[in-house]
Amino acid sequence: MSELVVTREDGPTGGRYLTTIDGHTAEMTYSKAGTTRVIIDHTGVPDALRGKGAGVALVKRAVEDARAAGVKIIPLCPFAKAQIEKHREWQDVLA
């Protein structure tokens, strides 16, 4: 399967990551905790996208963005927390 396209909508206090497959959109939301941390608070993947890697792609993009910005992630969302725990190579961004 090809790499999923993940877009980011960023605002002053938080934002979200989105990916759309066959007209269905998965979303992961986050809040900013100051200038050095982001809190991933929710991941929503429609049933039609389950098992297609949409949720993992969202978390991966958040990890990449956190590294690039020099910020740490606090994963309150159970899915994001589980994925970061599963991927040891992502754990450097944990707060």
PDB file of N, CA and C in Angstrom:
ATOM      1  N   MET A   1       0.856  -1.183   0.000  1.00  0.00           N
ATOM      2  CA  MET A   1       0.000   0.000   0.000  1.00  0.00           C
ATOM      3  C   MET A   1       0.894   1.236   0.000  1.00  0.00           C
ATOM      4  N   SER A   2       0.487   2.239  -0.728  1.00  0.00           N
ATOM      5  CA  SER A   2       1.280   3.466  -0.800  1.00  0.00           C
ATOM      6  C   SER A   2       1.115   4.293   0.477  1.00  0.00           C
ATOM      7  N   GLU A   3       2.044   5.207   0.656  1.00  0.00           N
ATOM      8  CA  GLU A   3       2.026   6.085   1.834  1.00  0.00           C
ATOM      9  C   GLU A   3       0.751   6.928   1.822  1.00  0.00           C
ATOM     10  N   LEU A   4       0.094   7.004   2.959  1.00  0.00           N
ATOM     11  CA  LEU A   4      -1.119   7.810   3.060  1.00  0.00           C
ATOM     12  C   LEU A   4      -0.747   9.284   3.167  1.00  0.00           C
ATOM     13  N   VAL A   5      -1.550  10.136   2.569  1.00  0.00           N
ATOM     14  CA  VAL A   5      -1.341  11.583   2.647  1.00  0.00           C
ATOM     15  C   VAL A   5      -2.041  12.098   3.898  1.00  0.00           C
ATOM     16  N   VAL A   6      -1.262  12.712   4.782  1.00  0.00           N
ATOM     17  CA  VAL A   6      -1.795  13.258   6.026  1.00  0.00           C
ATOM     18  C   VAL A   6      -1.618  14.771   5.984  1.00  0.00           C
ATOM     19  N   THR A   7      -2.707  15.489   6.220  1.00  0.00           N
ATOM     20  CA  THR A   7      -2.641  16.949   6.268  1.00  0.00           C
ATOM     21  C   THR A   7      -2.783  17.398   7.722  1.00  0.00           C
ATOM     22  N   ARG A   8      -2.280  18.603   7.973  1.00  0.00           N
ATOM     23  CA  ARG A   8      -2.326  19.158   9.336  1.00  0.00           C
ATOM     24  C   ARG A   8      -2.997  20.516   9.294  1.00  0.00           C
ATOM     25  N   GLU A   9      -3.919  20.717  10.218  1.00  0.00           N
ATOM     26  CA  GLU A   9      -4.544  22.020  10.424  1.00  0.00           C
ATOM     27  C   GLU A   9      -4.097  22.485  11.807  1.00  0.00           C
ATOM     28  N   ASP A  10      -3.343  23.579  11.856  1.00  0.00           N
ATOM     29  CA  ASP A  10      -2.750  24.039  13.106  1.00  0.00           C
ATOM     30  C   ASP A  10      -3.282  25.414  13.463  1.00  0.00           C
ATOM     31  N   GLY A  11      -3.672  25.569  14.720  1.00  0.00           N
ATOM     32  CA  GLY A  11      -4.161  26.859  15.202  1.00  0.00           C
ATOM     33  C   GLY A  11      -3.375  27.293  16.425  1.00  0.00           C
ATOM     34  N   PRO A  12      -3.743  28.419  17.021  1.00  0.00           N
ATOM     35  CA  PRO A  12      -2.993  28.939  18.156  1.00  0.00           C
ATOM     36  C   PRO A  12      -3.008  28.036  19.393  1.00  0.00           C
ATOM     37  N   THR A  13      -4.088  27.278  19.606  1.00  0.00           N
ATOM     38  CA  THR A  13      -4.171  26.450  20.807  1.00  0.00           C
ATOM     39  C   THR A  13      -4.185  24.950  20.516  1.00  0.00           C
ATOM     40  N   GLY A  14      -4.245  24.577  19.253  1.00  0.00           N
ATOM     41  CA  GLY A  14      -4.278  23.159  18.906  1.00  0.00           C
ATOM     42  C   GLY A  14      -4.585  22.976  17.437  1.00  0.00           C
ATOM     43  N   GLY A  15      -4.913  21.755  17.097  1.00  0.00           N
ATOM     44  CA  GLY A  15      -5.217  21.482  15.704  1.00  0.00           C
ATOM     45  C   GLY A  15      -5.579  20.035  15.506  1.00  0.00           C
ATOM     46  N   ARG A  16      -5.426  19.589  14.248  1.00  0.00           N
ATOM     47  CA  ARG A  16      -5.762  18.210  13.944  1.00  0.00           C
ATOM     48  C   ARG A  16      -5.008  17.730  12.717  1.00  0.00           C
ATOM     49  N   TYR A  17      -4.887  16.423  12.630  1.00  0.00           N
ATOM     50  CA  TYR A  17      -4.320  15.747  11.476  1.00  0.00           C
ATOM     51  C   TYR A  17      -5.447  14.977  10.812  1.00  0.00           C
ATOM     52  N   LEU A  18      -5.422  14.944   9.489  1.00  0.00           N
ATOM     53  CA  LEU A  18      -6.489  14.294   8.722  1.00  0.00           C
ATOM     54  C   LEU A  18      -5.896  13.442   7.610  1.00  0.00           C
ATOM     55  N   THR A  19      -6.548  12.328   7.322  1.00  0.00           N
ATOM     56  CA  THR A  19      -6.251  11.569   6.120  1.00  0.00           C
ATOM     57  C   THR A  19      -7.574  11.032   5.590  1.00  0.00           C
ATOM     58  N   THR A  20      -7.724  11.072   4.280  1.00  0.00           N
ATOM     59  CA  THR A  20      -8.969  10.641   3.649  1.00  0.00           C
ATOM     60  C   THR A  20      -8.674   9.511   2.663  1.00  0.00           C
ATOM     61  N   ILE A  21      -9.449   8.445   2.785  1.00  0.00           N
ATOM     62  CA  ILE A  21      -9.338   7.297   1.892  1.00  0.00           C
ATOM     63  C   ILE A  21     -10.739   6.967   1.405  1.00  0.00           C
ATOM     64  N   ASP A  22     -10.905   6.910   0.101  1.00  0.00           N
ATOM     65  CA  ASP A  22     -12.199   6.545  -0.504  1.00  0.00           C
ATOM     66  C   ASP A  22     -13.367   7.340   0.090  1.00  0.00           C
ATOM     67  N   GLY A  23     -13.158   8.625   0.340  1.00  0.00           N
ATOM     68  CA  GLY A  23     -14.213   9.496   0.833  1.00  0.00           C
ATOM     69  C   GLY A  23     -14.445   9.446   2.333  1.00  0.00           C
ATOM     70  N   HIS A  24     -13.678   8.643   3.054  1.00  0.00           N
ATOM     71  CA  HIS A  24     -13.798   8.548   4.512  1.00  0.00           C
ATOM     72  C   HIS A  24     -12.587   9.217   5.142  1.00  0.00           C
ATOM     73  N   THR A  25     -12.822  10.025   6.175  1.00  0.00           N
ATOM     74  CA  THR A  25     -11.741  10.793   6.794  1.00  0.00           C
ATOM     75  C   THR A  25     -11.476  10.341   8.225  1.00  0.00           C
ATOM     76  N   ALA A  26     -10.200  10.071   8.507  1.00  0.00           N
ATOM     77  CA  ALA A  26      -9.749   9.778   9.869  1.00  0.00           C
ATOM     78  C   ALA A  26      -9.130  11.057  10.417  1.00  0.00           C
ATOM     79  N   GLU A  27      -9.279  11.265  11.724  1.00  0.00           N
ATOM     80  CA  GLU A  27      -8.831  12.511  12.349  1.00  0.00           C
ATOM     81  C   GLU A  27      -8.162  12.227  13.682  1.00  0.00           C
ATOM     82  N   MET A  28      -7.123  13.000  13.968  1.00  0.00           N
ATOM     83  CA  MET A  28      -6.482  12.976  15.279  1.00  0.00           C
ATOM     84  C   MET A  28      -6.337  14.422  15.726  1.00  0.00           C
ATOM     85  N   THR A  29      -6.826  14.725  16.932  1.00  0.00           N
ATOM     86  CA  THR A  29      -6.791  16.103  17.423  1.00  0.00           C
ATOM     87  C   THR A  29      -5.738  16.256  18.512  1.00  0.00           C
ATOM     88  N   TYR A  30      -5.253  17.483  18.635  1.00  0.00           N
ATOM     89  CA  TYR A  30      -4.256  17.784  19.655  1.00  0.00           C
ATOM     90  C   TYR A  30      -4.453  19.184  20.191  1.00  0.00           C
ATOM     91  N   SER A  31      -3.946  19.391  21.410  1.00  0.00           N
ATOM     92  CA  SER A  31      -3.928  20.706  22.046  1.00  0.00           C
ATOM     93  C   SER A  31      -2.479  21.054  22.322  1.00  0.00           C
ATOM     94  N   LYS A  32      -2.185  22.339  22.329  1.00  0.00           N
ATOM     95  CA  LYS A  32      -0.835  22.789  22.654  1.00  0.00           C
ATOM     96  C   LYS A  32      -0.753  23.061  24.149  1.00  0.00           C
ATOM     97  N   ALA A  33       0.320  22.568  24.764  1.00  0.00           N
ATOM     98  CA  ALA A  33       0.567  22.805  26.190  1.00  0.00           C
ATOM     99  C   ALA A  33       1.827  23.656  26.270  1.00  0.00           C
ATOM    100  N   GLY A  34       1.653  24.940  26.101  1.00  0.00           N
ATOM    101  CA  GLY A  34       2.802  25.836  26.033  1.00  0.00           C
ATOM    102  C   GLY A  34       3.467  25.723  24.674  1.00  0.00           C
ATOM    103  N   THR A  35       4.759  26.020  24.640  1.00  0.00           N
ATOM    104  CA  THR A  35       5.474  25.999  23.361  1.00  0.00           C
ATOM    105  C   THR A  35       6.323  24.750  23.180  1.00  0.00           C
ATOM    106  N   THR A  36       6.373  23.880  24.191  1.00  0.00           N
ATOM    107  CA  THR A  36       7.265  22.728  24.104  1.00  0.00           C
ATOM    108  C   THR A  36       6.564  21.380  24.146  1.00  0.00           C
ATOM    109  N   ARG A  37       5.221  21.380  24.267  1.00  0.00           N
ATOM    110  CA  ARG A  37       4.491  20.122  24.349  1.00  0.00           C
ATOM    111  C   ARG A  37       3.163  20.193  23.609  1.00  0.00           C
ATOM    112  N   VAL A  38       2.772  19.050  23.067  1.00  0.00           N
ATOM    113  CA  VAL A  38       1.440  18.910  22.484  1.00  0.00           C
ATOM    114  C   VAL A  38       0.776  17.697  23.128  1.00  0.00           C
ATOM    115  N   ILE A  39      -0.520  17.800  23.305  1.00  0.00           N
ATOM    116  CA  ILE A  39      -1.309  16.724  23.902  1.00  0.00           C
ATOM    117  C   ILE A  39      -2.191  16.139  22.808  1.00  0.00           C
ATOM    118  N   ILE A  40      -1.940  14.884  22.456  1.00  0.00           N
ATOM    119  CA  ILE A  40      -2.833  14.192  21.518  1.00  0.00           C
ATOM    120  C   ILE A  40      -4.001  13.684  22.349  1.00  0.00           C
ATOM    121  N   ASP A  41      -5.200  14.194  22.047  1.00  0.00           N
ATOM    122  CA  ASP A  41      -6.341  13.879  22.901  1.00  0.00           C
ATOM    123  C   ASP A  41      -7.398  12.983  22.270  1.00  0.00           C
ATOM    124  N   HIS A  42      -7.353  12.785  20.953  1.00  0.00           N
ATOM    125  CA  HIS A  42      -8.392  11.950  20.327  1.00  0.00           C
ATOM    126  C   HIS A  42      -7.944  11.497  18.951  1.00  0.00           C
ATOM    127  N   THR A  43      -8.229  10.242  18.650  1.00  0.00           N
ATOM    128  CA  THR A  43      -8.059   9.715  17.298  1.00  0.00           C
ATOM    129  C   THR A  43      -9.373   9.065  16.915  1.00  0.00           C
ATOM    130  N   GLY A  44      -9.913   9.468  15.778  1.00  0.00           N
ATOM    131  CA  GLY A  44     -11.160   8.906  15.292  1.00  0.00           C
ATOM    132  C   GLY A  44     -10.973   8.327  13.902  1.00  0.00           C
ATOM    133  N   VAL A  45     -11.233   7.025  13.768  1.00  0.00           N
ATOM    134  CA  VAL A  45     -11.101   6.352  12.486  1.00  0.00           C
ATOM    135  C   VAL A  45     -12.442   5.688  12.165  1.00  0.00           C
ATOM    136  N   PRO A  46     -13.065   6.088  11.056  1.00  0.00           N
ATOM    137  CA  PRO A  46     -14.336   5.457  10.688  1.00  0.00           C
ATOM    138  C   PRO A  46     -14.163   3.952  10.462  1.00  0.00           C
ATOM    139  N   ASP A  47     -15.222   3.205  10.707  1.00  0.00           N
ATOM    140  CA  ASP A  47     -15.175   1.755  10.518  1.00  0.00           C
ATOM    141  C   ASP A  47     -14.674   1.371   9.128  1.00  0.00           C
ATOM    142  N   ALA A  48     -15.032   2.152   8.123  1.00  0.00           N
ATOM    143  CA  ALA A  48     -14.630   1.851   6.746  1.00  0.00           C
ATOM    144  C   ALA A  48     -13.117   1.904   6.553  1.00  0.00           C
ATOM    145  N   LEU A  49     -12.409   2.575   7.460  1.00  0.00           N
ATOM    146  CA  LEU A  49     -10.955   2.706   7.328  1.00  0.00           C
ATOM    147  C   LEU A  49     -10.179   1.818   8.295  1.00  0.00           C
ATOM    148  N   ARG A  50     -10.861   1.097   9.136  1.00  0.00           N
ATOM    149  CA  ARG A  50     -10.163   0.255  10.111  1.00  0.00           C
ATOM    150  C   ARG A  50      -9.305  -0.781   9.379  1.00  0.00           C
ATOM    151  N   GLY A  51      -8.074  -0.942   9.858  1.00  0.00           N
ATOM    152  CA  GLY A  51      -7.160  -1.906   9.261  1.00  0.00           C
ATOM    153  C   GLY A  51      -6.422  -1.413   8.036  1.00  0.00           C
ATOM    154  N   LYS A  52      -6.624  -0.153   7.670  1.00  0.00           N
ATOM    155  CA  LYS A  52      -5.970   0.397   6.480  1.00  0.00           C
ATOM    156  C   LYS A  52      -4.779   1.291   6.811  1.00  0.00           C
ATOM    157  N   GLY A  53      -4.442   1.387   8.090  1.00  0.00           N
ATOM    158  CA  GLY A  53      -3.270   2.157   8.492  1.00  0.00           C
ATOM    159  C   GLY A  53      -3.492   3.643   8.668  1.00  0.00           C
ATOM    160  N   ALA A  54      -4.737   4.083   8.639  1.00  0.00           N
ATOM    161  CA  ALA A  54      -5.027   5.514   8.743  1.00  0.00           C
ATOM    162  C   ALA A  54      -4.618   6.072  10.098  1.00  0.00           C
ATOM    163  N   GLY A  55      -4.984   5.403  11.172  1.00  0.00           N
ATOM    164  CA  GLY A  55      -4.652   5.890  12.515  1.00  0.00           C
ATOM    165  C   GLY A  55      -3.150   5.926  12.750  1.00  0.00           C
ATOM    166  N   VAL A  56      -2.448   4.888  12.323  1.00  0.00           N
ATOM    167  CA  VAL A  56      -0.996   4.838  12.488  1.00  0.00           C
ATOM    168  C   VAL A  56      -0.344   5.970  11.698  1.00  0.00           C
ATOM    169  N   ALA A  57      -0.853   6.237  10.501  1.00  0.00           N
ATOM    170  CA  ALA A  57      -0.296   7.318   9.676  1.00  0.00           C
ATOM    171  C   ALA A  57      -0.448   8.671  10.372  1.00  0.00           C
ATOM    172  N   LEU A  58      -1.563   8.875  11.054  1.00  0.00           N
ATOM    173  CA  LEU A  58      -1.778  10.132  11.775  1.00  0.00           C
ATOM    174  C   LEU A  58      -0.768  10.293  12.907  1.00  0.00           C
ATOM    175  N   VAL A  59      -0.576   9.232  13.682  1.00  0.00           N
ATOM    176  CA  VAL A  59       0.372   9.298  14.798  1.00  0.00           C
ATOM    177  C   VAL A  59       1.788   9.491  14.266  1.00  0.00           C
ATOM    178  N   LYS A  60       2.142   8.778  13.212  1.00  0.00           N
ATOM    179  CA  LYS A  60       3.478   8.901  12.629  1.00  0.00           C
ATOM    180  C   LYS A  60       3.766  10.341  12.221  1.00  0.00           C
ATOM    181  N   ARG A  61       2.792  10.975  11.579  1.00  0.00           N
ATOM    182  CA  ARG A  61       2.982  12.361  11.150  1.00  0.00           C
ATOM    183  C   ARG A  61       3.155  13.291  12.353  1.00  0.00           C
ATOM    184  N   ALA A  62       2.383  13.063  13.414  1.00  0.00           N
ATOM    185  CA  ALA A  62       2.518  13.882  14.623  1.00  0.00           C
ATOM    186  C   ALA A  62       3.907  13.714  15.227  1.00  0.00           C
ATOM    187  N   VAL A  63       4.420  12.497  15.235  1.00  0.00           N
ATOM    188  CA  VAL A  63       5.771  12.239  15.754  1.00  0.00           C
ATOM    189  C   VAL A  63       6.801  12.974  14.909  1.00  0.00           C
ATOM    190  N   GLU A  64       6.669  12.886  13.586  1.00  0.00           N
ATOM    191  CA  GLU A  64       7.607  13.567  12.691  1.00  0.00           C
ATOM    192  C   GLU A  64       7.569  15.077  12.890  1.00  0.00           C
ATOM    193  N   ASP A  65       6.374  15.625  13.034  1.00  0.00           N
ATOM    194  CA  ASP A  65       6.235  17.069  13.239  1.00  0.00           C
ATOM    195  C   ASP A  65       6.805  17.497  14.592  1.00  0.00           C
ATOM    196  N   ALA A  66       6.590  16.666  15.619  1.00  0.00           N
ATOM    197  CA  ALA A  66       7.123  16.978  16.948  1.00  0.00           C
ATOM    198  C   ALA A  66       8.650  17.015  16.904  1.00  0.00           C
ATOM    199  N   ARG A  67       9.248  16.034  16.242  1.00  0.00           N
ATOM    200  CA  ARG A  67      10.713  16.016  16.115  1.00  0.00           C
ATOM    201  C   ARG A  67      11.206  17.271  15.403  1.00  0.00           C
ATOM    202  N   ALA A  68      10.571  17.605  14.304  1.00  0.00           N
ATOM    203  CA  ALA A  68      11.001  18.752  13.503  1.00  0.00           C
ATOM    204  C   ALA A  68      10.893  20.056  14.288  1.00  0.00           C
ATOM    205  N   ALA A  69       9.882  20.159  15.140  1.00  0.00           N
ATOM    206  CA  ALA A  69       9.653  21.385  15.909  1.00  0.00           C
ATOM    207  C   ALA A  69      10.363  21.374  17.260  1.00  0.00           C
ATOM    208  N   GLY A  70      10.926  20.242  17.639  1.00  0.00           N
ATOM    209  CA  GLY A  70      11.592  20.150  18.932  1.00  0.00           C
ATOM    210  C   GLY A  70      10.633  20.168  20.105  1.00  0.00           C
ATOM    211  N   VAL A  71       9.437  19.597  19.912  1.00  0.00           N
ATOM    212  CA  VAL A  71       8.456  19.539  20.995  1.00  0.00           C
ATOM    213  C   VAL A  71       8.229  18.090  21.407  1.00  0.00           C
ATOM    214  N   LYS A  72       7.638  17.909  22.580  1.00  0.00           N
ATOM    215  CA  LYS A  72       7.335  16.577  23.102  1.00  0.00           C
ATOM    216  C   LYS A  72       5.835  16.327  23.053  1.00  0.00           C
ATOM    217  N   ILE A  73       5.471  15.055  22.982  1.00  0.00           N
ATOM    218  CA  ILE A  73       4.065  14.648  22.896  1.00  0.00           C
ATOM    219  C   ILE A  73       3.627  14.018  24.211  1.00  0.00           C
ATOM    220  N   ILE A  74       2.437  14.428  24.666  1.00  0.00           N
ATOM    221  CA  ILE A  74       1.757  13.786  25.782  1.00  0.00           C
ATOM    222  C   ILE A  74       0.556  13.058  25.159  1.00  0.00           C
ATOM    223  N   PRO A  75       0.611  11.728  25.039  1.00  0.00           N
ATOM    224  CA  PRO A  75      -0.473  10.996  24.375  1.00  0.00           C
ATOM    225  C   PRO A  75      -1.587  10.596  25.337  1.00  0.00           C
ATOM    226  N   LEU A  76      -2.590  11.446  25.504  1.00  0.00           N
ATOM    227  CA  LEU A  76      -3.735  11.100  26.344  1.00  0.00           C
ATOM    228  C   LEU A  76      -4.681  10.151  25.622  1.00  0.00           C
ATOM    229  N   CYS A  77      -4.697  10.212  24.312  1.00  0.00           N
ATOM    230  CA  CYS A  77      -5.526   9.318  23.511  1.00  0.00           C
ATOM    231  C   CYS A  77      -4.970   7.893  23.631  1.00  0.00           C
ATOM    232  N   PRO A  78      -5.801   6.930  24.019  1.00  0.00           N
ATOM    233  CA  PRO A  78      -5.321   5.551  24.180  1.00  0.00           C
ATOM    234  C   PRO A  78      -4.703   4.966  22.911  1.00  0.00           C
ATOM    235  N   PHE A  79      -5.261   5.279  21.755  1.00  0.00           N
ATOM    236  CA  PHE A  79      -4.714   4.745  20.505  1.00  0.00           C
ATOM    237  C   PHE A  79      -3.322   5.305  20.248  1.00  0.00           C
ATOM    238  N   ALA A  80      -3.172   6.621  20.346  1.00  0.00           N
ATOM    239  CA  ALA A  80      -1.868   7.245  20.107  1.00  0.00           C
ATOM    240  C   ALA A  80      -0.843   6.720  21.109  1.00  0.00           C
ATOM    241  N   LYS A  81      -1.250   6.585  22.364  1.00  0.00           N
ATOM    242  CA  LYS A  81      -0.341   6.075  23.397  1.00  0.00           C
ATOM    243  C   LYS A  81       0.117   4.664  23.053  1.00  0.00           C
ATOM    244  N   ALA A  82      -0.805   3.811  22.645  1.00  0.00           N
ATOM    245  CA  ALA A  82      -0.470   2.428  22.295  1.00  0.00           C
ATOM    246  C   ALA A  82       0.471   2.369  21.092  1.00  0.00           C
ATOM    247  N   GLN A  83       0.240   3.219  20.103  1.00  0.00           N
ATOM    248  CA  GLN A  83       1.099   3.201  18.920  1.00  0.00           C
ATOM    249  C   GLN A  83       2.516   3.669  19.244  1.00  0.00           C
ATOM    250  N   ILE A  84       2.626   4.704  20.065  1.00  0.00           N
ATOM    251  CA  ILE A  84       3.960   5.194  20.431  1.00  0.00           C
ATOM    252  C   ILE A  84       4.684   4.148  21.280  1.00  0.00           C
ATOM    253  N   GLU A  85       3.951   3.454  22.149  1.00  0.00           N
ATOM    254  CA  GLU A  85       4.570   2.381  22.929  1.00  0.00           C
ATOM    255  C   GLU A  85       5.013   1.233  22.028  1.00  0.00           C
ATOM    256  N   LYS A  86       4.243   0.948  20.999  1.00  0.00           N
ATOM    257  CA  LYS A  86       4.537  -0.150  20.072  1.00  0.00           C
ATOM    258  C   LYS A  86       5.755   0.164  19.196  1.00  0.00           C
ATOM    259  N   HIS A  87       5.916   1.416  18.803  1.00  0.00           N
ATOM    260  CA  HIS A  87       7.008   1.831  17.922  1.00  0.00           C
ATOM    261  C   HIS A  87       8.111   2.485  18.759  1.00  0.00           C
ATOM    262  N   ARG A  88       9.083   1.713  19.157  1.00  0.00           N
ATOM    263  CA  ARG A  88      10.165   2.229  19.998  1.00  0.00           C
ATOM    264  C   ARG A  88      10.881   3.417  19.358  1.00  0.00           C
ATOM    265  N   GLU A  89      10.959   3.432  18.048  1.00  0.00           N
ATOM    266  CA  GLU A  89      11.654   4.503  17.336  1.00  0.00           C
ATOM    267  C   GLU A  89      10.918   5.850  17.446  1.00  0.00           C
ATOM    268  N   TRP A  90       9.714   5.846  17.966  1.00  0.00           N
ATOM    269  CA  TRP A  90       8.948   7.079  18.152  1.00  0.00           C
ATOM    270  C   TRP A  90       9.039   7.608  19.580  1.00  0.00           C
ATOM    271  N   GLN A  91       9.565   6.843  20.490  1.00  0.00           N
ATOM    272  CA  GLN A  91       9.483   7.176  21.910  1.00  0.00           C
ATOM    273  C   GLN A  91      10.353   8.354  22.320  1.00  0.00           C
ATOM    274  N   ASP A  92      11.247   8.795  21.441  1.00  0.00           N
ATOM    275  CA  ASP A  92      12.077   9.955  21.776  1.00  0.00           C
ATOM    276  C   ASP A  92      11.256  11.239  21.901  1.00  0.00           C
ATOM    277  N   VAL A  93      10.034  11.237  21.380  1.00  0.00           N
ATOM    278  CA  VAL A  93       9.215  12.455  21.442  1.00  0.00           C
ATOM    279  C   VAL A  93       8.258  12.470  22.641  1.00  0.00           C
ATOM    280  N   LEU A  94       8.277  11.419  23.447  1.00  0.00           N
ATOM    281  CA  LEU A  94       7.388  11.390  24.608  1.00  0.00           C
ATOM    282  C   LEU A  94       7.826  12.423  25.659  1.00  0.00           C
ATOM    283  N   ALA A  95       6.827  13.077  26.246  1.00  0.00           N
ATOM    284  CA  ALA A  95       7.106  14.047  27.307  1.00  0.00           C
ATOM    285  C   ALA A  95       7.353  13.323  28.607  1.00  0.00           C
TER     286      ALA A  95
END
